[in-house]
Amino acid sequence: PYPLKQWIDAVTHPGLLFTVDPAGTTRGLATGQRLVIVAASAMPFLRDPAIAGLDFQVAYLRAWAGFIGIAEVEVIRIAPTFGPAAEVDAAMMQARTKAGMLAERLILAAGGDARD
């Protein structure tokens, strides 16, 4: 959505998220960070190869993350969000499960206890 793109434009500046040397080479300043993308779509991009190339949302955010130095990107997809209720409910449940598993993994990686 355009507010996210606007925010990315507002924070992606030399010296803030990347540097540029005199030769014009850029280097991301967000190295060592992790990005979690939660992407919702009415379109089932992962299930339909005919439309997979239209998934610009995740591709754009991955490219931006790489530009600013983030190599570790996790993606939780919620799709489809439109259509038969059973399909939408299944997509929501799958995303909740993946989010819970990711949260547990991140807590454990940080030295915490996932039961807390």
PDB file of N, CA and C in Angstrom:
ATOM      1  N   PRO A   1       0.838  -1.199   0.000  1.00  0.00           N
ATOM      2  CA  PRO A   1       0.000   0.000   0.000  1.00  0.00           C
ATOM      3  C   PRO A   1       0.878   1.256   0.000  1.00  0.00           C
ATOM      4  N   TYR A   2       0.338   2.322  -0.545  1.00  0.00           N
ATOM      5  CA  TYR A   2       1.143   3.531  -0.707  1.00  0.00           C
ATOM      6  C   TYR A   2       1.682   4.114   0.603  1.00  0.00           C
ATOM      7  N   PRO A   3       0.993   4.012   1.764  1.00  0.00           N
ATOM      8  CA  PRO A   3       1.610   4.557   2.985  1.00  0.00           C
ATOM      9  C   PRO A   3       2.913   3.840   3.353  1.00  0.00           C
ATOM     10  N   LEU A   4       2.996   2.532   3.102  1.00  0.00           N
ATOM     11  CA  LEU A   4       4.238   1.810   3.371  1.00  0.00           C
ATOM     12  C   LEU A   4       5.333   2.282   2.429  1.00  0.00           C
ATOM     13  N   LYS A   5       5.018   2.416   1.149  1.00  0.00           N
ATOM     14  CA  LYS A   5       6.009   2.907   0.176  1.00  0.00           C
ATOM     15  C   LYS A   5       6.460   4.318   0.560  1.00  0.00           C
ATOM     16  N   GLN A   6       5.547   5.146   0.993  1.00  0.00           N
ATOM     17  CA  GLN A   6       5.882   6.507   1.412  1.00  0.00           C
ATOM     18  C   GLN A   6       6.823   6.479   2.624  1.00  0.00           C
ATOM     19  N   TRP A   7       6.552   5.599   3.598  1.00  0.00           N
ATOM     20  CA  TRP A   7       7.421   5.473   4.763  1.00  0.00           C
ATOM     21  C   TRP A   7       8.806   5.005   4.344  1.00  0.00           C
ATOM     22  N   ILE A   8       8.883   4.008   3.462  1.00  0.00           N
ATOM     23  CA  ILE A   8      10.175   3.520   2.977  1.00  0.00           C
ATOM     24  C   ILE A   8      10.946   4.662   2.323  1.00  0.00           C
ATOM     25  N   ASP A   9      10.286   5.439   1.498  1.00  0.00           N
ATOM     26  CA  ASP A   9      10.946   6.594   0.863  1.00  0.00           C
ATOM     27  C   ASP A   9      11.426   7.599   1.899  1.00  0.00           C
ATOM     28  N   ALA A  10      10.654   7.769   2.982  1.00  0.00           N
ATOM     29  CA  ALA A  10      11.005   8.765   4.000  1.00  0.00           C
ATOM     30  C   ALA A  10      12.227   8.353   4.820  1.00  0.00           C
ATOM     31  N   VAL A  11      12.443   7.066   5.018  1.00  0.00           N
ATOM     32  CA  VAL A  11      13.557   6.629   5.871  1.00  0.00           C
ATOM     33  C   VAL A  11      14.775   6.121   5.101  1.00  0.00           C
ATOM     34  N   THR A  12      14.645   5.903   3.811  1.00  0.00           N
ATOM     35  CA  THR A  12      15.750   5.341   3.031  1.00  0.00           C
ATOM     36  C   THR A  12      16.587   6.472   2.444  1.00  0.00           C
ATOM     37  N   HIS A  13      17.489   6.979   3.266  1.00  0.00           N
ATOM     38  CA  HIS A  13      18.348   8.099   2.873  1.00  0.00           C
ATOM     39  C   HIS A  13      19.801   7.779   3.187  1.00  0.00           C
ATOM     40  N   PRO A  14      20.718   8.364   2.417  1.00  0.00           N
ATOM     41  CA  PRO A  14      22.146   8.160   2.715  1.00  0.00           C
ATOM     42  C   PRO A  14      22.453   8.590   4.148  1.00  0.00           C
ATOM     43  N   GLY A  15      23.216   7.769   4.827  1.00  0.00           N
ATOM     44  CA  GLY A  15      23.591   8.061   6.205  1.00  0.00           C
ATOM     45  C   GLY A  15      22.601   7.527   7.216  1.00  0.00           C
ATOM     46  N   LEU A  16      21.393   7.257   6.796  1.00  0.00           N
ATOM     47  CA  LEU A  16      20.387   6.719   7.709  1.00  0.00           C
ATOM     48  C   LEU A  16      20.282   5.195   7.551  1.00  0.00           C
ATOM     49  N   LEU A  17      20.052   4.726   6.339  1.00  0.00           N
ATOM     50  CA  LEU A  17      19.954   3.283   6.102  1.00  0.00           C
ATOM     51  C   LEU A  17      20.983   2.760   5.107  1.00  0.00           C
ATOM     52  N   PHE A  18      21.720   3.654   4.464  1.00  0.00           N
ATOM     53  CA  PHE A  18      22.778   3.214   3.562  1.00  0.00           C
ATOM     54  C   PHE A  18      23.806   4.327   3.413  1.00  0.00           C
ATOM     55  N   THR A  19      24.984   3.958   2.912  1.00  0.00           N
ATOM     56  CA  THR A  19      26.020   4.950   2.605  1.00  0.00           C
ATOM     57  C   THR A  19      26.379   4.829   1.136  1.00  0.00           C
ATOM     58  N   VAL A  20      26.972   5.883   0.618  1.00  0.00           N
ATOM     59  CA  VAL A  20      27.452   5.900  -0.762  1.00  0.00           C
ATOM     60  C   VAL A  20      28.882   6.422  -0.725  1.00  0.00           C
ATOM     61  N   ASP A  21      29.824   5.629  -1.264  1.00  0.00           N
ATOM     62  CA  ASP A  21      31.218   6.078  -1.271  1.00  0.00           C
ATOM     63  C   ASP A  21      31.462   6.963  -2.492  1.00  0.00           C
ATOM     64  N   PRO A  22      32.619   7.612  -2.586  1.00  0.00           N
ATOM     65  CA  PRO A  22      32.894   8.518  -3.704  1.00  0.00           C
ATOM     66  C   PRO A  22      32.762   7.861  -5.084  1.00  0.00           C
ATOM     67  N   ALA A  23      32.948   6.550  -5.163  1.00  0.00           N
ATOM     68  CA  ALA A  23      32.811   5.848  -6.445  1.00  0.00           C
ATOM     69  C   ALA A  23      31.351   5.537  -6.773  1.00  0.00           C
ATOM     70  N   GLY A  24      30.436   5.842  -5.842  1.00  0.00           N
ATOM     71  CA  GLY A  24      29.018   5.588  -6.065  1.00  0.00           C
ATOM     72  C   GLY A  24      28.533   4.232  -5.588  1.00  0.00           C
ATOM     73  N   THR A  25      29.391   3.506  -4.897  1.00  0.00           N
ATOM     74  CA  THR A  25      29.011   2.199  -4.370  1.00  0.00           C
ATOM     75  C   THR A  25      28.198   2.382  -3.093  1.00  0.00           C
ATOM     76  N   THR A  26      27.067   1.695  -3.034  1.00  0.00           N
ATOM     77  CA  THR A  26      26.224   1.790  -1.842  1.00  0.00           C
ATOM     78  C   THR A  26      26.488   0.612  -0.912  1.00  0.00           C
ATOM     79  N   ARG A  27      26.270   0.866   0.387  1.00  0.00           N
ATOM     80  CA  ARG A  27      26.404  -0.174   1.404  1.00  0.00           C
ATOM     81  C   ARG A  27      25.288   0.028   2.413  1.00  0.00           C
ATOM     82  N   GLY A  28      24.504  -1.041   2.645  1.00  0.00           N
ATOM     83  CA  GLY A  28      23.410  -0.972   3.607  1.00  0.00           C
ATOM     84  C   GLY A  28      23.919  -0.871   5.026  1.00  0.00           C
ATOM     85  N   LEU A  29      23.204  -0.130   5.849  1.00  0.00           N
ATOM     86  CA  LEU A  29      23.590   0.068   7.249  1.00  0.00           C
ATOM     87  C   LEU A  29      22.750  -0.751   8.220  1.00  0.00           C
ATOM     88  N   ALA A  30      21.840  -1.567   7.709  1.00  0.00           N
ATOM     89  CA  ALA A  30      20.966  -2.344   8.584  1.00  0.00           C
ATOM     90  C   ALA A  30      21.427  -3.799   8.677  1.00  0.00           C
ATOM     91  N   THR A  31      22.707  -4.034   8.448  1.00  0.00           N
ATOM     92  CA  THR A  31      23.218  -5.405   8.532  1.00  0.00           C
ATOM     93  C   THR A  31      23.005  -5.948   9.940  1.00  0.00           C
ATOM     94  N   GLY A  32      22.788  -7.240  10.015  1.00  0.00           N
ATOM     95  CA  GLY A  32      22.561  -7.880  11.306  1.00  0.00           C
ATOM     96  C   GLY A  32      21.124  -7.796  11.781  1.00  0.00           C
ATOM     97  N   GLN A  33      20.281  -7.114  11.043  1.00  0.00           N
ATOM     98  CA  GLN A  33      18.873  -6.991  11.421  1.00  0.00           C
ATOM     99  C   GLN A  33      18.054  -8.044  10.686  1.00  0.00           C
ATOM    100  N   ARG A  34      16.862  -8.280  11.160  1.00  0.00           N
ATOM    101  CA  ARG A  34      15.940  -9.231  10.538  1.00  0.00           C
ATOM    102  C   ARG A  34      14.664  -8.478  10.178  1.00  0.00           C
ATOM    103  N   LEU A  35      14.094  -8.833   9.035  1.00  0.00           N
ATOM    104  CA  LEU A  35      12.828  -8.249   8.610  1.00  0.00           C
ATOM    105  C   LEU A  35      11.792  -9.352   8.538  1.00  0.00           C
ATOM    106  N   VAL A  36      10.630  -9.121   9.139  1.00  0.00           N
ATOM    107  CA  VAL A  36       9.512 -10.038   9.028  1.00  0.00           C
ATOM    108  C   VAL A  36       8.450  -9.330   8.189  1.00  0.00           C
ATOM    109  N   ILE A  37       8.136  -9.936   7.060  1.00  0.00           N
ATOM    110  CA  ILE A  37       7.111  -9.400   6.166  1.00  0.00           C
ATOM    111  C   ILE A  37       5.840 -10.214   6.387  1.00  0.00           C
ATOM    112  N   VAL A  38       4.756  -9.537   6.718  1.00  0.00           N
ATOM    113  CA  VAL A  38       3.450 -10.181   6.791  1.00  0.00           C
ATOM    114  C   VAL A  38       2.665  -9.613   5.617  1.00  0.00           C
ATOM    115  N   ALA A  39       2.455 -10.462   4.617  1.00  0.00           N
ATOM    116  CA  ALA A  39       1.854 -10.006   3.365  1.00  0.00           C
ATOM    117  C   ALA A  39       0.494 -10.666   3.168  1.00  0.00           C
ATOM    118  N   ALA A  40      -0.526  -9.840   3.098  1.00  0.00           N
ATOM    119  CA  ALA A  40      -1.878 -10.338   2.853  1.00  0.00           C
ATOM    120  C   ALA A  40      -2.290  -9.982   1.425  1.00  0.00           C
ATOM    121  N   SER A  41      -2.982 -10.921   0.801  1.00  0.00           N
ATOM    122  CA  SER A  41      -3.411 -10.689  -0.576  1.00  0.00           C
ATOM    123  C   SER A  41      -4.671 -11.478  -0.870  1.00  0.00           C
ATOM    124  N   ALA A  42      -5.530 -10.882  -1.659  1.00  0.00           N
ATOM    125  CA  ALA A  42      -6.707 -11.610  -2.123  1.00  0.00           C
ATOM    126  C   ALA A  42      -6.317 -12.680  -3.130  1.00  0.00           C
ATOM    127  N   MET A  43      -5.170 -12.507  -3.768  1.00  0.00           N
ATOM    128  CA  MET A  43      -4.719 -13.423  -4.811  1.00  0.00           C
ATOM    129  C   MET A  43      -3.850 -14.539  -4.220  1.00  0.00           C
ATOM    130  N   PRO A  44      -4.103 -15.785  -4.597  1.00  0.00           N
ATOM    131  CA  PRO A  44      -3.299 -16.906  -4.100  1.00  0.00           C
ATOM    132  C   PRO A  44      -2.030 -17.089  -4.931  1.00  0.00           C
ATOM    133  N   PHE A  45      -1.088 -16.156  -4.812  1.00  0.00           N
ATOM    134  CA  PHE A  45       0.119 -16.164  -5.649  1.00  0.00           C
ATOM    135  C   PHE A  45       0.894 -17.476  -5.570  1.00  0.00           C
ATOM    136  N   LEU A  46       1.014 -18.042  -4.397  1.00  0.00           N
ATOM    137  CA  LEU A  46       1.818 -19.249  -4.231  1.00  0.00           C
ATOM    138  C   LEU A  46       1.177 -20.484  -4.851  1.00  0.00           C
ATOM    139  N   ARG A  47      -0.133 -20.505  -4.942  1.00  0.00           N
ATOM    140  CA  ARG A  47      -0.824 -21.681  -5.479  1.00  0.00           C
ATOM    141  C   ARG A  47      -1.042 -21.622  -6.979  1.00  0.00           C
ATOM    142  N   ASP A  48      -0.920 -20.467  -7.580  1.00  0.00           N
ATOM    143  CA  ASP A  48      -1.247 -20.322  -8.993  1.00  0.00           C
ATOM    144  C   ASP A  48      -0.049 -19.766  -9.755  1.00  0.00           C
ATOM    145  N   PRO A  49       0.737 -20.637 -10.405  1.00  0.00           N
ATOM    146  CA  PRO A  49       1.931 -20.184 -11.130  1.00  0.00           C
ATOM    147  C   PRO A  49       1.626 -19.136 -12.210  1.00  0.00           C
ATOM    148  N   ALA A  50       0.417 -19.133 -12.723  1.00  0.00           N
ATOM    149  CA  ALA A  50       0.058 -18.178 -13.770  1.00  0.00           C
ATOM    150  C   ALA A  50       0.076 -16.735 -13.270  1.00  0.00           C
ATOM    151  N   ILE A  51      -0.117 -16.535 -11.959  1.00  0.00           N
ATOM    152  CA  ILE A  51      -0.126 -15.174 -11.410  1.00  0.00           C
ATOM    153  C   ILE A  51       1.033 -14.910 -10.459  1.00  0.00           C
ATOM    154  N   ALA A  52       1.898 -15.894 -10.262  1.00  0.00           N
ATOM    155  CA  ALA A  52       3.003 -15.755  -9.300  1.00  0.00           C
ATOM    156  C   ALA A  52       3.870 -14.534  -9.596  1.00  0.00           C
ATOM    157  N   GLY A  53       4.072 -14.219 -10.865  1.00  0.00           N
ATOM    158  CA  GLY A  53       4.891 -13.074 -11.245  1.00  0.00           C
ATOM    159  C   GLY A  53       4.284 -11.730 -10.887  1.00  0.00           C
ATOM    160  N   LEU A  54       3.041 -11.719 -10.483  1.00  0.00           N
ATOM    161  CA  LEU A  54       2.374 -10.468 -10.107  1.00  0.00           C
ATOM    162  C   LEU A  54       2.551 -10.116  -8.632  1.00  0.00           C
ATOM    163  N   ASP A  55       3.259 -10.953  -7.892  1.00  0.00           N
ATOM    164  CA  ASP A  55       3.468 -10.711  -6.462  1.00  0.00           C
ATOM    165  C   ASP A  55       4.587  -9.685  -6.274  1.00  0.00           C
ATOM    166  N   PHE A  56       4.279  -8.435  -6.520  1.00  0.00           N
ATOM    167  CA  PHE A  56       5.267  -7.364  -6.406  1.00  0.00           C
ATOM    168  C   PHE A  56       5.506  -6.948  -4.965  1.00  0.00           C
ATOM    169  N   GLN A  57       4.550  -7.179  -4.094  1.00  0.00           N
ATOM    170  CA  GLN A  57       4.641  -6.751  -2.697  1.00  0.00           C
ATOM    171  C   GLN A  57       5.859  -7.356  -2.007  1.00  0.00           C
ATOM    172  N   VAL A  58       5.955  -8.668  -1.991  1.00  0.00           N
ATOM    173  CA  VAL A  58       7.055  -9.332  -1.304  1.00  0.00           C
ATOM    174  C   VAL A  58       8.366  -9.093  -2.045  1.00  0.00           C
ATOM    175  N   ALA A  59       8.335  -9.134  -3.375  1.00  0.00           N
ATOM    176  CA  ALA A  59       9.562  -8.912  -4.155  1.00  0.00           C
ATOM    177  C   ALA A  59      10.140  -7.525  -3.873  1.00  0.00           C
ATOM    178  N   TYR A  60       9.297  -6.507  -3.818  1.00  0.00           N
ATOM    179  CA  TYR A  60       9.759  -5.142  -3.546  1.00  0.00           C
ATOM    180  C   TYR A  60      10.383  -5.042  -2.157  1.00  0.00           C
ATOM    181  N   LEU A  61       9.713  -5.612  -1.149  1.00  0.00           N
ATOM    182  CA  LEU A  61      10.222  -5.522   0.215  1.00  0.00           C
ATOM    183  C   LEU A  61      11.524  -6.312   0.390  1.00  0.00           C
ATOM    184  N   ARG A  62      11.648  -7.445  -0.279  1.00  0.00           N
ATOM    185  CA  ARG A  62      12.909  -8.199  -0.242  1.00  0.00           C
ATOM    186  C   ARG A  62      14.043  -7.392  -0.886  1.00  0.00           C
ATOM    187  N   ALA A  63      13.753  -6.767  -2.029  1.00  0.00           N
ATOM    188  CA  ALA A  63      14.768  -5.957  -2.712  1.00  0.00           C
ATOM    189  C   ALA A  63      15.190  -4.784  -1.840  1.00  0.00           C
ATOM    190  N   TRP A  64      14.232  -4.113  -1.225  1.00  0.00           N
ATOM    191  CA  TRP A  64      14.546  -2.981  -0.343  1.00  0.00           C
ATOM    192  C   TRP A  64      15.391  -3.447   0.837  1.00  0.00           C
ATOM    193  N   ALA A  65      15.009  -4.578   1.440  1.00  0.00           N
ATOM    194  CA  ALA A  65      15.770  -5.110   2.578  1.00  0.00           C
ATOM    195  C   ALA A  65      17.216  -5.370   2.170  1.00  0.00           C
ATOM    196  N   GLY A  66      17.416  -5.964   1.006  1.00  0.00           N
ATOM    197  CA  GLY A  66      18.771  -6.224   0.532  1.00  0.00           C
ATOM    198  C   GLY A  66      19.546  -4.938   0.323  1.00  0.00           C
ATOM    199  N   PHE A  67      18.898  -3.924  -0.215  1.00  0.00           N
ATOM    200  CA  PHE A  67      19.552  -2.638  -0.459  1.00  0.00           C
ATOM    201  C   PHE A  67      20.053  -2.010   0.837  1.00  0.00           C
ATOM    202  N   ILE A  68      19.265  -2.128   1.911  1.00  0.00           N
ATOM    203  CA  ILE A  68      19.684  -1.499   3.170  1.00  0.00           C
ATOM    204  C   ILE A  68      20.504  -2.450   4.050  1.00  0.00           C
ATOM    205  N   GLY A  69      20.800  -3.646   3.540  1.00  0.00           N
ATOM    206  CA  GLY A  69      21.711  -4.542   4.238  1.00  0.00           C
ATOM    207  C   GLY A  69      21.083  -5.657   5.042  1.00  0.00           C
ATOM    208  N   ILE A  70      19.782  -5.825   4.950  1.00  0.00           N
ATOM    209  CA  ILE A  70      19.121  -6.895   5.695  1.00  0.00           C
ATOM    210  C   ILE A  70      19.126  -8.157   4.843  1.00  0.00           C
ATOM    211  N   ALA A  71      19.811  -9.175   5.341  1.00  0.00           N
ATOM    212  CA  ALA A  71      19.901 -10.437   4.600  1.00  0.00           C
ATOM    213  C   ALA A  71      18.889 -11.468   5.097  1.00  0.00           C
ATOM    214  N   GLU A  72      18.467 -11.333   6.345  1.00  0.00           N
ATOM    215  CA  GLU A  72      17.555 -12.320   6.928  1.00  0.00           C
ATOM    216  C   GLU A  72      16.118 -11.804   6.857  1.00  0.00           C
ATOM    217  N   VAL A  73      15.353 -12.370   5.928  1.00  0.00           N
ATOM    218  CA  VAL A  73      13.969 -11.946   5.701  1.00  0.00           C
ATOM    219  C   VAL A  73      13.053 -13.148   5.891  1.00  0.00           C
ATOM    220  N   GLU A  74      12.076 -12.999   6.741  1.00  0.00           N
ATOM    221  CA  GLU A  74      11.051 -14.022   6.969  1.00  0.00           C
ATOM    222  C   GLU A  74       9.757 -13.512   6.348  1.00  0.00           C
ATOM    223  N   VAL A  75       9.012 -14.389   5.709  1.00  0.00           N
ATOM    224  CA  VAL A  75       7.757 -13.987   5.077  1.00  0.00           C
ATOM    225  C   VAL A  75       6.620 -14.853   5.590  1.00  0.00           C
ATOM    226  N   ILE A  76       5.580 -14.193   6.061  1.00  0.00           N
ATOM    227  CA  ILE A  76       4.335 -14.861   6.429  1.00  0.00           C
ATOM    228  C   ILE A  76       3.289 -14.341   5.455  1.00  0.00           C
ATOM    229  N   ARG A  77       2.730 -15.236   4.687  1.00  0.00           N
ATOM    230  CA  ARG A  77       1.727 -14.856   3.688  1.00  0.00           C
ATOM    231  C   ARG A  77       0.334 -15.253   4.172  1.00  0.00           C
ATOM    232  N   ILE A  78      -0.606 -14.376   3.904  1.00  0.00           N
ATOM    233  CA  ILE A  78      -2.009 -14.663   4.175  1.00  0.00           C
ATOM    234  C   ILE A  78      -2.725 -14.506   2.839  1.00  0.00           C
ATOM    235  N   ALA A  79      -3.069 -15.636   2.237  1.00  0.00           N
ATOM    236  CA  ALA A  79      -3.726 -15.593   0.936  1.00  0.00           C
ATOM    237  C   ALA A  79      -4.382 -16.933   0.650  1.00  0.00           C
ATOM    238  N   PRO A  80      -5.549 -16.888   0.099  1.00  0.00           N
ATOM    239  CA  PRO A  80      -6.295 -15.710  -0.313  1.00  0.00           C
ATOM    240  C   PRO A  80      -7.075 -15.111   0.867  1.00  0.00           C
ATOM    241  N   THR A  81      -7.313 -13.815   0.791  1.00  0.00           N
ATOM    242  CA  THR A  81      -8.139 -13.139   1.790  1.00  0.00           C
ATOM    243  C   THR A  81      -9.519 -12.837   1.236  1.00  0.00           C
ATOM    244  N   PHE A  82      -9.778 -13.329   0.033  1.00  0.00           N
ATOM    245  CA  PHE A  82     -11.069 -13.128  -0.625  1.00  0.00           C
ATOM    246  C   PHE A  82     -11.449 -14.434  -1.301  1.00  0.00           C
ATOM    247  N   GLY A  83     -12.699 -14.796  -1.198  1.00  0.00           N
ATOM    248  CA  GLY A  83     -13.174 -16.019  -1.841  1.00  0.00           C
ATOM    249  C   GLY A  83     -14.005 -16.834  -0.886  1.00  0.00           C
ATOM    250  N   PRO A  84     -14.088 -18.130  -1.161  1.00  0.00           N
ATOM    251  CA  PRO A  84     -14.881 -18.993  -0.280  1.00  0.00           C
ATOM    252  C   PRO A  84     -14.374 -18.936   1.159  1.00  0.00           C
ATOM    253  N   ALA A  85     -15.300 -18.877   2.098  1.00  0.00           N
ATOM    254  CA  ALA A  85     -14.945 -18.728   3.515  1.00  0.00           C
ATOM    255  C   ALA A  85     -13.988 -19.819   3.983  1.00  0.00           C
ATOM    256  N   ALA A  86     -14.178 -21.035   3.520  1.00  0.00           N
ATOM    257  CA  ALA A  86     -13.303 -22.132   3.959  1.00  0.00           C
ATOM    258  C   ALA A  86     -11.862 -21.885   3.526  1.00  0.00           C
ATOM    259  N   GLU A  87     -11.661 -21.355   2.318  1.00  0.00           N
ATOM    260  CA  GLU A  87     -10.307 -21.068   1.829  1.00  0.00           C
ATOM    261  C   GLU A  87      -9.663 -19.925   2.612  1.00  0.00           C
ATOM    262  N   VAL A  88     -10.442 -18.882   2.864  1.00  0.00           N
ATOM    263  CA  VAL A  88      -9.931 -17.729   3.617  1.00  0.00           C
ATOM    264  C   VAL A  88      -9.608 -18.149   5.054  1.00  0.00           C
ATOM    265  N   ASP A  89     -10.494 -18.894   5.675  1.00  0.00           N
ATOM    266  CA  ASP A  89     -10.249 -19.365   7.048  1.00  0.00           C
ATOM    267  C   ASP A  89      -9.000 -20.235   7.112  1.00  0.00           C
ATOM    268  N   ALA A  90      -8.815 -21.112   6.130  1.00  0.00           N
ATOM    269  CA  ALA A  90      -7.633 -21.974   6.106  1.00  0.00           C
ATOM    270  C   ALA A  90      -6.366 -21.141   5.951  1.00  0.00           C
ATOM    271  N   ALA A  91      -6.411 -20.116   5.112  1.00  0.00           N
ATOM    272  CA  ALA A  91      -5.249 -19.240   4.922  1.00  0.00           C
ATOM    273  C   ALA A  91      -4.918 -18.497   6.206  1.00  0.00           C
ATOM    274  N   MET A  92      -5.943 -18.023   6.901  1.00  0.00           N
ATOM    275  CA  MET A  92      -5.725 -17.313   8.166  1.00  0.00           C
ATOM    276  C   MET A  92      -5.113 -18.243   9.214  1.00  0.00           C
ATOM    277  N   MET A  93      -5.618 -19.468   9.294  1.00  0.00           N
ATOM    278  CA  MET A  93      -5.098 -20.427  10.268  1.00  0.00           C
ATOM    279  C   MET A  93      -3.650 -20.788   9.945  1.00  0.00           C
ATOM    280  N   GLN A  94      -3.354 -20.976   8.684  1.00  0.00           N
ATOM    281  CA  GLN A  94      -1.983 -21.304   8.275  1.00  0.00           C
ATOM    282  C   GLN A  94      -1.030 -20.163   8.633  1.00  0.00           C
ATOM    283  N   ALA A  95      -1.455 -18.923   8.400  1.00  0.00           N
ATOM    284  CA  ALA A  95      -0.613 -17.763   8.730  1.00  0.00           C
ATOM    285  C   ALA A  95      -0.428 -17.640  10.239  1.00  0.00           C
ATOM    286  N   ARG A  96      -1.479 -17.866  11.011  1.00  0.00           N
ATOM    287  CA  ARG A  96      -1.362 -17.814  12.478  1.00  0.00           C
ATOM    288  C   ARG A  96      -0.375 -18.868  12.983  1.00  0.00           C
ATOM    289  N   THR A  97      -0.474 -20.053  12.424  1.00  0.00           N
ATOM    290  CA  THR A  97       0.434 -21.133  12.827  1.00  0.00           C
ATOM    291  C   THR A  97       1.870 -20.766  12.501  1.00  0.00           C
ATOM    292  N   LYS A  98       2.103 -20.268  11.286  1.00  0.00           N
ATOM    293  CA  LYS A  98       3.462 -19.890  10.885  1.00  0.00           C
ATOM    294  C   LYS A  98       3.979 -18.753  11.759  1.00  0.00           C
ATOM    295  N   ALA A  99       3.123 -17.773  12.068  1.00  0.00           N
ATOM    296  CA  ALA A  99       3.537 -16.655  12.917  1.00  0.00           C
ATOM    297  C   ALA A  99       3.901 -17.139  14.315  1.00  0.00           C
ATOM    298  N   GLY A 100       3.122 -18.061  14.856  1.00  0.00           N
ATOM    299  CA  GLY A 100       3.419 -18.601  16.177  1.00  0.00           C
ATOM    300  C   GLY A 100       4.741 -19.355  16.195  1.00  0.00           C
ATOM    301  N   MET A 101       4.982 -20.162  15.163  1.00  0.00           N
ATOM    302  CA  MET A 101       6.237 -20.909  15.071  1.00  0.00           C
ATOM    303  C   MET A 101       7.429 -19.955  14.925  1.00  0.00           C
ATOM    304  N   LEU A 102       7.260 -18.907  14.124  1.00  0.00           N
ATOM    305  CA  LEU A 102       8.326 -17.927  13.954  1.00  0.00           C
ATOM    306  C   LEU A 102       8.605 -17.201  15.267  1.00  0.00           C
ATOM    307  N   ALA A 103       7.553 -16.803  15.970  1.00  0.00           N
ATOM    308  CA  ALA A 103       7.728 -16.120  17.257  1.00  0.00           C
ATOM    309  C   ALA A 103       8.491 -17.002  18.238  1.00  0.00           C
ATOM    310  N   GLU A 104       8.132 -18.268  18.318  1.00  0.00           N
ATOM    311  CA  GLU A 104       8.844 -19.182  19.213  1.00  0.00           C
ATOM    312  C   GLU A 104      10.314 -19.289  18.825  1.00  0.00           C
ATOM    313  N   ARG A 105      10.582 -19.421  17.536  1.00  0.00           N
ATOM    314  CA  ARG A 105      11.968 -19.540  17.075  1.00  0.00           C
ATOM    315  C   ARG A 105      12.764 -18.279  17.400  1.00  0.00           C
ATOM    316  N   LEU A 106      12.163 -17.101  17.212  1.00  0.00           N
ATOM    317  CA  LEU A 106      12.864 -15.846  17.486  1.00  0.00           C
ATOM    318  C   LEU A 106      13.107 -15.662  18.982  1.00  0.00           C
ATOM    319  N   ILE A 107      12.135 -16.049  19.794  1.00  0.00           N
ATOM    320  CA  ILE A 107      12.302 -15.949  21.247  1.00  0.00           C
ATOM    321  C   ILE A 107      13.440 -16.857  21.704  1.00  0.00           C
ATOM    322  N   LEU A 108      13.439 -18.088  21.214  1.00  0.00           N
ATOM    323  CA  LEU A 108      14.496 -19.030  21.589  1.00  0.00           C
ATOM    324  C   LEU A 108      15.867 -18.560  21.094  1.00  0.00           C
ATOM    325  N   ALA A 109      15.920 -18.004  19.889  1.00  0.00           N
ATOM    326  CA  ALA A 109      17.189 -17.508  19.341  1.00  0.00           C
ATOM    327  C   ALA A 109      17.720 -16.340  20.160  1.00  0.00           C
ATOM    328  N   ALA A 110      16.817 -15.585  20.778  1.00  0.00           N
ATOM    329  CA  ALA A 110      17.226 -14.451  21.601  1.00  0.00           C
ATOM    330  C   ALA A 110      17.565 -14.871  23.026  1.00  0.00           C
ATOM    331  N   GLY A 111      17.462 -16.175  23.294  1.00  0.00           N
ATOM    332  CA  GLY A 111      17.792 -16.656  24.629  1.00  0.00           C
ATOM    333  C   GLY A 111      16.624 -16.651  25.584  1.00  0.00           C
ATOM    334  N   GLY A 112      15.430 -16.438  25.073  1.00  0.00           N
ATOM    335  CA  GLY A 112      14.251 -16.412  25.938  1.00  0.00           C
ATOM    336  C   GLY A 112      13.616 -17.770  26.056  1.00  0.00           C
ATOM    337  N   ASP A 113      12.488 -17.796  26.714  1.00  0.00           N
ATOM    338  CA  ASP A 113      11.723 -19.019  26.899  1.00  0.00           C
ATOM    339  C   ASP A 113      10.405 -18.839  26.175  1.00  0.00           C
ATOM    340  N   ALA A 114      10.144 -19.666  25.176  1.00  0.00           N
ATOM    341  CA  ALA A 114       8.940 -19.543  24.359  1.00  0.00           C
ATOM    342  C   ALA A 114       7.662 -19.797  25.158  1.00  0.00           C
ATOM    343  N   ARG A 115       7.785 -20.344  26.353  1.00  0.00           N
ATOM    344  CA  ARG A 115       6.585 -20.607  27.175  1.00  0.00           C
ATOM    345  C   ARG A 115       6.129 -19.342  27.890  1.00  0.00           C
ATOM    346  N   ASP A 116       6.939 -18.296  27.927  1.00  0.00           N
ATOM    347  CA  ASP A 116       6.575 -17.059  28.635  1.00  0.00           C
ATOM    348  C   ASP A 116       5.611 -16.220  27.826  1.00  0.00           C
TER     349      ASP A 116
END
